[in-house]
Amino acid sequence: MKVAMYYANNNVRIQEQDVPVIGPGEILMKVHASGICGSDVMEWYRRDKVPLVLGHEVAGEVVEVGEGVSKFAVGDRIAASHHVPCFSCRHCHRGHPTACDTIRSTTFHPGGFAQYVRLPKINVDLGTYALPEKLSYAEGSFAEPLACVLRGQEKIGIEAGMNVLVIGAGVSGIMHIELARALGAGTIVATDLSPYRLEQAERFGADATFTPDEYSPEKFREVCAGRLADRVILTAGAIPAIQQGLDSAERGATVLVFAPTDEGVRFPFDMNKFFWREDRTLTTTYAGEPADHVHALDLIAAGRFRAAQMITHRLPLDEIQQGFDLVAGGTECLKVVIEPHA
């Protein structure tokens, strides 16, 4: 089978590997759609692990089941998550399954940018989901990224009428805008360097958009009748972006850090300034749990989340380098989906 072996953002090579052999409790999935995630192009995060096959936003077809598998059968249409919690550790029992050690160690083999992947037993049992009949495989590949967005917004508690600031309007920011609008948020403001992304932010529900140079907390007040943001979502890791987000948080607000900085960056945090604004919360989220994946698929199937409209490029595996170039460049695309059998 063909796989896309990642060496660097500008060096993704099509190679041949044997189709994975599955064991008891496992599934062999034919990958029909695999989205390129922003984390896939974080070279500094990958450099000590290359070469490897990336890709974790996957949907496809069951082509073989191992002994003991009863939940799925050959021909079933599925989405799968690479990270699944154990549901038995102290983190899981305390309601924090994405803090589980297991969720940070599970994966599937060799990776979603391949024609076939082996889903281990724990992934089959806890992290594989039937695709609703009306969804395409490309839409199904949004289960994992939307689950992450859902996890973030569930943690910070976006409620009807809340004013929301989204810093960074790449695909993660756009997904947050779309979901916040679906959840009944009040005014949504977005910022980004790219005019293209700002256009997309308005298309998916932002009431006002600004470049970082144009934006200020005062601009937010002008848009929101004198109020600052009840919820701030940081999908950009640049220091000025983080500072703008913190400065825009209303008293009692929550700020969600949804993206890392570049390697080694330290934020010069003014604790006193944060303290005197009274009762603000700064938090992070990582990944999504199985219930979030199910919820994600339900939202897409119900038409409450427009996944298909976020896909700007669909490419065969042989053209994956173009996909990485687009995502790493980050200006003229939203979601790039690889179709390994196209």
Foldseek 3Di string as FASTA:
>chain_A
DWAFWDQALLDTDIDDDDQDDAEALKFKWFWFKFWDDLVNHQRVVCNVPPGAGETFLTKGFTCDHYHPDDPDDGGFTKTFGQFAFPCPDPCNVVVNRQVHPRRVPGGWPRYNRGRMIMHDNVRSVWTMGGFPPPDDRHLSSCLFLQQQLVVQCVVQPQAAAFEEEEEDQAQSSLSNQLVSVLRHYRAYEYEDQAPQSQVSSVVRHHPYYYYLVPDALVVQCVVVVRAFGQEYEYPAADQSSVVRRLRRHAAQHEYEDEYHHRPPDDHPDDVVVSVVNHNYHYYYTDTHHRVSSVVSSVCVVVVSGPSVVQFPEEEESVCVSVVSVCSVVRHNHHIYMYGPVD
